[in-house]
Protein backbone atom coordinates (compact mmCIF):
# COMPACT_ATOMS: atom_id res chain seq x y z
CA MET A 1 -28.54 -36.13 15.61
CA THR A 2 -29.71 -32.52 15.35
CA THR A 3 -30.85 -31.18 12.00
CA THR A 4 -31.74 -27.77 10.59
CA LYS A 5 -33.07 -26.19 7.42
CA PRO A 6 -31.36 -23.36 5.52
CA VAL A 7 -33.01 -20.00 6.21
CA ARG A 8 -33.04 -16.82 4.12
CA GLN A 9 -32.23 -13.62 6.04
CA ASN A 10 -30.32 -10.35 5.94
CA LEU A 11 -26.76 -10.64 7.21
CA ASP A 12 -24.19 -8.16 8.49
CA ASN A 13 -20.50 -8.92 8.88
CA LYS A 14 -19.28 -6.92 11.88
CA VAL A 15 -15.97 -6.25 13.59
CA SER A 16 -15.84 -5.01 17.20
CA LEU A 17 -12.96 -2.81 18.35
CA THR A 18 -11.97 -1.56 21.79
CA GLY A 19 -11.19 2.16 21.99
CA LYS A 20 -10.91 5.23 24.19
CA VAL A 21 -12.10 8.80 24.13
CA MET A 22 -9.16 11.11 23.32
CA VAL A 23 -8.67 14.86 23.01
CA ASN A 24 -7.34 16.20 19.69
CA PRO A 25 -6.63 12.83 18.01
CA VAL A 26 -4.40 12.64 14.93
CA PHE A 27 -5.61 10.98 11.71
CA GLY A 28 -4.18 10.48 8.23
CA LEU A 29 -5.24 11.70 4.77
CA VAL A 30 -4.40 9.55 1.76
CA ALA A 31 -3.50 10.22 -1.86
CA PRO A 32 -6.77 10.01 -3.86
CA VAL A 33 -4.91 8.80 -6.96
CA ALA A 34 -1.46 7.49 -7.85
CA GLY A 35 0.84 10.30 -8.92
CA GLN A 36 3.26 13.00 -7.79
CA VAL A 37 2.41 14.71 -4.51
CA ARG A 38 3.08 18.44 -4.30
CA TYR A 39 2.64 20.12 -0.96
CA LEU A 40 1.39 23.61 -0.27
CA ASP A 41 2.95 25.85 2.37
CA VAL A 42 0.21 25.88 5.02
CA ALA A 43 0.15 28.84 7.39
CA PRO A 44 -0.40 28.10 11.09
CA ALA A 45 -4.11 27.98 11.89
CA GLN A 46 -5.55 30.93 13.78
CA GLY A 47 -8.22 29.05 15.71
CA THR A 48 -10.19 26.02 14.55
CA PRO A 49 -10.76 26.14 10.76
CA ALA A 50 -14.43 26.41 9.79
CA LYS A 51 -13.77 25.17 6.26
CA PRO A 52 -11.40 22.62 4.66
CA THR A 53 -7.71 23.48 4.36
CA ARG A 54 -5.90 22.43 1.19
CA VAL A 55 -2.51 20.94 2.07
CA ALA A 56 -1.43 19.12 -1.11
CA THR A 57 -2.34 18.04 -4.63
CA VAL A 58 -1.50 14.76 -6.33
CA TRP A 59 -0.78 15.16 -10.03
CA ALA A 60 -1.54 12.36 -12.49
CA ASN A 61 -1.77 12.67 -16.29
CA GLY A 62 -1.53 16.43 -16.03
CA LYS A 63 -4.51 16.70 -13.66
CA PRO A 64 -4.43 17.58 -9.94
CA SER A 65 -6.40 15.80 -7.23
CA ASN A 66 -6.67 17.74 -3.99
CA VAL A 67 -5.84 16.63 -0.47
CA ASP A 68 -7.82 18.71 2.03
CA VAL A 69 -7.87 18.69 5.83
CA PRO A 70 -11.58 18.74 6.77
CA ALA A 71 -13.18 21.59 8.67
CA GLY A 72 -12.72 21.26 12.41
CA ALA A 73 -9.18 19.90 12.07
CA THR A 74 -5.73 21.43 11.55
CA PHE A 75 -2.77 20.37 9.43
CA ALA A 76 -0.31 18.27 11.47
CA GLY A 77 2.40 17.21 9.04
CA ARG A 78 3.63 15.99 5.67
CA LEU A 79 4.07 12.22 5.49
CA ALA A 80 6.05 12.01 2.24
CA ASP A 81 8.70 14.03 0.45
CA ASP A 82 7.54 16.90 -1.74
CA LYS A 83 7.24 15.79 -5.40
CA ALA A 84 7.48 12.11 -4.42
CA THR A 85 5.56 9.59 -6.53
CA VAL A 86 2.97 7.91 -4.33
CA PRO A 87 0.38 5.14 -4.86
CA ALA A 88 -3.32 5.74 -4.40
CA GLY A 89 -4.38 5.23 -0.80
CA MET A 90 -1.00 6.03 0.73
CA PRO A 91 -1.13 8.45 3.70
CA VAL A 92 0.43 11.74 2.58
CA ALA A 93 -0.66 14.19 5.31
CA SER A 94 -1.70 14.08 8.94
CA ALA A 95 -4.32 16.24 10.63
CA ARG A 96 -5.32 16.91 14.21
CA TYR A 97 -9.01 17.02 15.10
CA ALA A 98 -9.95 19.87 17.44
CA GLY A 99 -12.00 18.29 20.20
CA TYR A 100 -13.01 14.85 21.40
CA GLY A 101 -12.60 11.77 19.24
CA ILE A 102 -12.83 8.03 19.80
CA VAL A 103 -9.68 6.10 18.92
CA ALA A 104 -9.54 2.31 18.54
CA GLU A 105 -6.33 0.40 17.88
CA ILE A 106 -6.55 -2.21 15.09
CA ASP A 107 -4.59 -5.44 14.79
CA GLY A 108 -3.31 -6.61 11.44
CA ALA A 109 -5.89 -9.42 11.23
CA ASN A 110 -8.74 -6.89 11.06
CA ALA A 111 -7.06 -4.23 8.92
CA TYR A 112 -8.05 -5.70 5.56
CA ARG A 113 -11.55 -6.56 6.77
CA ILE A 114 -12.43 -2.94 7.59
CA SER A 115 -10.18 -0.91 5.27
CA ASP A 116 -12.90 -0.46 2.64
CA SER A 117 -15.84 -0.24 5.05
CA LEU A 118 -15.26 2.77 7.27
CA GLY A 119 -18.54 4.53 6.59
CA ASN A 120 -20.76 2.53 8.97
CA VAL A 121 -19.46 2.66 12.54
CA GLN A 122 -21.45 2.53 15.78
CA ALA A 123 -19.96 3.52 19.14
CA GLN A 124 -20.88 2.74 22.72
CA ILE A 125 -19.25 4.54 25.66
CA LYS A 126 -18.71 2.25 28.63
CA ASN A 127 -21.28 3.16 31.28
CA GLY A 128 -22.18 6.17 29.14
CA PRO A 129 -23.91 7.29 25.94
CA GLY A 130 -24.61 5.03 23.00
CA PRO A 131 -24.94 3.34 20.73
CA PHE A 132 -24.56 6.22 18.26
CA ALA A 133 -23.21 6.72 14.77
CA CYS A 134 -19.51 7.65 14.83
CA THR A 135 -18.15 9.62 11.85
CA VAL A 136 -14.81 8.23 10.65
CA LEU A 137 -11.88 10.58 10.07
CA GLY A 138 -9.22 9.75 7.49
CA THR A 139 -7.63 6.34 7.07
CA ILE A 140 -6.86 3.42 9.39
CA ALA A 141 -3.30 3.07 8.03
CA ALA A 142 -0.38 3.52 10.42
CA LEU A 143 1.27 6.92 10.05
CA PRO A 144 4.95 7.92 10.07
CA ALA A 145 6.04 11.05 11.90
CA GLY A 146 4.81 14.24 10.26
CA THR A 147 7.03 17.10 9.19
CA ILE A 148 6.17 20.78 8.90
CA PRO A 149 8.91 22.70 7.05
CA GLU A 150 9.64 26.31 7.84
CA PRO A 151 8.20 28.78 5.34
CA PRO A 152 10.70 30.23 2.86
CA ALA A 153 12.49 33.36 4.03
CA PRO A 154 11.15 36.54 2.44
CA THR A 155 13.31 38.41 -0.01
CA ALA A 156 15.42 40.92 1.93
CA LYS A 157 14.61 44.54 1.16
CA PRO A 158 16.30 47.54 2.78
CA PRO A 159 13.82 49.39 5.00
CA ALA A 160 12.74 52.83 3.88
CA SER A 161 13.63 54.19 7.31
CA GLY A 162 14.76 52.97 10.68
CA PRO A 163 17.70 50.80 11.72
CA PRO A 164 18.88 48.08 9.36
CA THR A 165 17.87 44.49 10.05
CA GLY A 166 20.85 42.40 11.03
CA PRO A 167 21.57 39.26 13.06
CA GLY A 168 19.07 38.96 15.86
CA GLY A 169 16.56 41.11 14.01
CA PRO A 170 13.18 40.09 12.61
CA GLY A 171 13.19 36.95 10.49
CA PRO A 172 10.64 34.71 8.76
CA GLU A 173 7.62 33.65 10.73
CA ARG A 174 8.32 30.49 12.71
CA ARG A 175 5.98 27.54 13.21
CA SER A 176 6.71 27.07 16.89
CA ASP A 177 2.98 27.06 17.58
CA THR A 178 2.40 24.08 15.24
CA GLU A 179 3.74 20.76 16.49
CA PRO A 180 4.22 17.97 13.92
CA SER A 181 2.38 14.70 14.50
CA THR A 182 4.14 11.68 16.00
CA PRO A 183 4.00 8.16 14.50
CA THR A 184 0.84 6.12 15.05
CA GLY A 185 -0.10 2.48 14.68
CA LEU A 186 -3.08 1.07 12.82
CA ARG A 187 -6.12 2.74 14.31
CA LEU A 188 -9.58 4.03 13.59
CA VAL A 189 -10.53 7.59 14.62
CA CYS A 190 -14.15 8.76 14.65
CA THR A 191 -16.23 11.56 16.14
CA ALA A 192 -19.55 11.54 17.98
CA PRO A 193 -22.61 13.59 17.01
CA ALA A 194 -23.06 16.99 18.59
CA GLY A 195 -24.66 16.74 22.00
CA VAL A 196 -23.05 13.43 22.99
CA LYS A 197 -21.10 14.00 26.19
CA LEU A 198 -17.59 12.55 26.09
CA ILE A 199 -14.92 12.39 28.81
CA ASN A 200 -11.25 12.07 27.94
CA GLY A 201 -9.84 8.60 28.70
CA VAL A 202 -13.17 6.76 29.00
CA ASP A 203 -13.35 3.31 27.40
CA ALA A 204 -15.52 2.76 24.34
CA THR A 205 -16.50 -0.01 21.94
CA LEU A 206 -16.72 0.51 18.17
CA GLN A 207 -18.62 -1.80 15.87
CA VAL A 208 -17.77 -1.66 12.17
CA VAL A 209 -20.12 -3.21 9.62
CA THR A 210 -17.79 -4.46 6.91
CA GLU A 211 -20.27 -6.10 4.54
CA LYS A 212 -24.02 -6.51 4.13
CA ALA A 213 -26.06 -9.13 2.32
CA THR A 214 -29.83 -9.15 1.76
CA ASN A 215 -32.10 -12.21 1.69
CA VAL A 216 -29.28 -14.74 1.50
CA LEU A 217 -29.36 -18.46 2.31
CA THR A 218 -27.81 -19.21 5.71
CA VAL A 219 -27.10 -22.17 7.99
CA PRO A 220 -25.65 -22.29 11.52
CA VAL A 221 -21.86 -22.07 11.57
CA GLU A 222 -21.78 -25.38 13.46
CA ALA A 223 -23.24 -27.10 10.39
CA VAL A 224 -20.27 -26.16 8.18
CA ALA A 225 -16.73 -27.47 7.99
CA GLY A 226 -14.23 -25.19 6.25
CA SER A 227 -13.60 -21.49 5.73
CA GLN A 228 -12.09 -18.98 3.27
CA GLY A 229 -15.01 -19.32 0.86
CA LYS A 230 -15.08 -23.13 0.63
CA GLY A 231 -16.81 -25.58 2.94
CA LYS A 232 -18.74 -28.81 3.35
CA VAL A 233 -22.09 -29.68 4.88
CA ASP A 234 -23.80 -33.00 5.57
CA ILE A 235 -27.19 -33.49 3.87
CA VAL A 236 -29.51 -35.85 5.76
CA LYS A 237 -31.48 -37.99 3.29
CA ALA A 238 -34.93 -39.49 3.76
CA ASP A 239 -33.40 -42.82 4.88
CA ASN A 240 -31.43 -40.95 7.56
CA THR A 241 -28.09 -41.42 5.77
CA ARG A 242 -25.67 -38.53 5.19
CA GLU A 243 -24.27 -37.08 2.01
CA THR A 244 -21.38 -34.63 2.28
CA ARG A 245 -21.71 -31.76 -0.16
CA ASP A 246 -19.34 -28.95 -1.15
CA VAL A 247 -20.67 -25.41 -0.65
CA GLU A 248 -19.44 -21.90 -1.35
CA LEU A 249 -19.38 -19.74 1.78
CA GLY A 250 -20.00 -16.01 2.16
CA LEU A 251 -20.58 -13.64 5.07
CA THR A 252 -20.90 -14.70 8.68
CA ASP A 253 -21.95 -12.94 11.86
CA GLY A 254 -20.48 -15.65 14.06
CA LYS A 255 -23.82 -17.45 14.47
CA VAL A 256 -24.88 -18.21 10.91
CA ILE A 257 -22.98 -18.25 7.64
CA GLU A 258 -24.07 -17.45 4.09
CA ILE A 259 -24.27 -20.30 1.57
CA ARG A 260 -23.65 -18.79 -1.85
CA SER A 261 -23.93 -22.01 -3.83
CA GLY A 262 -24.28 -25.75 -3.30
CA LEU A 263 -27.72 -25.75 -1.60
CA THR A 264 -31.22 -25.06 -2.85
CA GLY A 265 -32.69 -24.29 0.57
CA GLU A 266 -34.89 -27.40 0.70
CA GLU A 267 -32.25 -29.70 2.19
CA THR A 268 -32.11 -31.01 5.74
CA ILE A 269 -28.69 -30.24 7.21
CA ALA A 270 -26.96 -32.17 10.00
CA VAL A 271 -25.61 -30.26 13.00
CA PRO A 272 -22.73 -30.49 13.73
CA GLY A 273 -21.27 -30.59 10.25
CA PRO A 274 -18.81 -33.05 8.69
CA ASN A 275 -15.77 -34.07 10.69
CA LEU A 276 -12.48 -33.16 9.06
CA PRO A 277 -10.03 -36.09 8.73
CA PRO A 278 -7.45 -36.22 11.54
CA GLY A 279 -4.01 -34.86 10.79
CA ARG A 280 -1.22 -37.30 10.09
CA PRO A 281 1.76 -37.44 12.44
CA GLU A 282 4.81 -35.69 11.12
CA GLY A 283 7.00 -37.96 8.99
CA ASP A 284 4.26 -40.56 8.43
CA PRO A 285 2.67 -40.33 4.95
CA ASN A 286 0.32 -43.26 5.68
CA GLY A 287 -1.11 -41.89 8.89
CA LYS A 288 -0.01 -44.97 10.93
CA GLY A 289 2.21 -43.21 13.40
CA GLY A 290 5.92 -42.60 13.56
CA LYS A 291 8.81 -44.74 12.49
CA GLY A 292 8.89 -48.39 13.55
CA GLN A 293 5.09 -48.85 13.49
């Protein structure tokens, strides 16, 4: 029998994602509060904006909260109806980053793990630069197709001189140079620091730190039975007998797991941990097999 002692250490909970370098990736901007979204008519960008572009406000209790496309990106579409009531955190606008970004698709199992922890992301380019800090853009939520309405037609005024404007004459400015965004799945978009050389289409790995804990009590994951916050460990007593004890579980990095309560740190722990009871065959409440036994 192998035994171990609980150890105090710092612990990071990390999620690794597979991504690619992309040119001009699309990302979503969410409603900062619950309320009524009111869109602004955004003129087509003349070059890459050097400062944020306001695209909407969300009104709640008579106060507006702004939705701005960050500098270095352009407006790519409305994601809700004008004056719609939206919940906080819902994507309401899409934007297109001007330049290289790293895009990683996310499966549903990881979405909740990383949704509140997008500030700490490290990237590694396969056979290239890294690891380096990758700045996250927008939200990971899947986006519907964006829409960019035509600007309202100007009020017609007769010209002071020259031929009248009729069918086929000048009209309101069109947005043919601004293409609305297409739907996306769950994904994380981030950008590399200046000076990091990126090549479109190259594979990359992103590592997201979702939680951190400092100086916490840990044991090897093999010593614990259970998950979802509750588990059991076997305490080895002085006479070499075992006592199974309930513990509260916390973070894990795949090698060790945090013990939030149930241990003092002085115990000797058996590895592997307690065996879970075998499952009963279907239709047999007594665990003695199927019918006729």
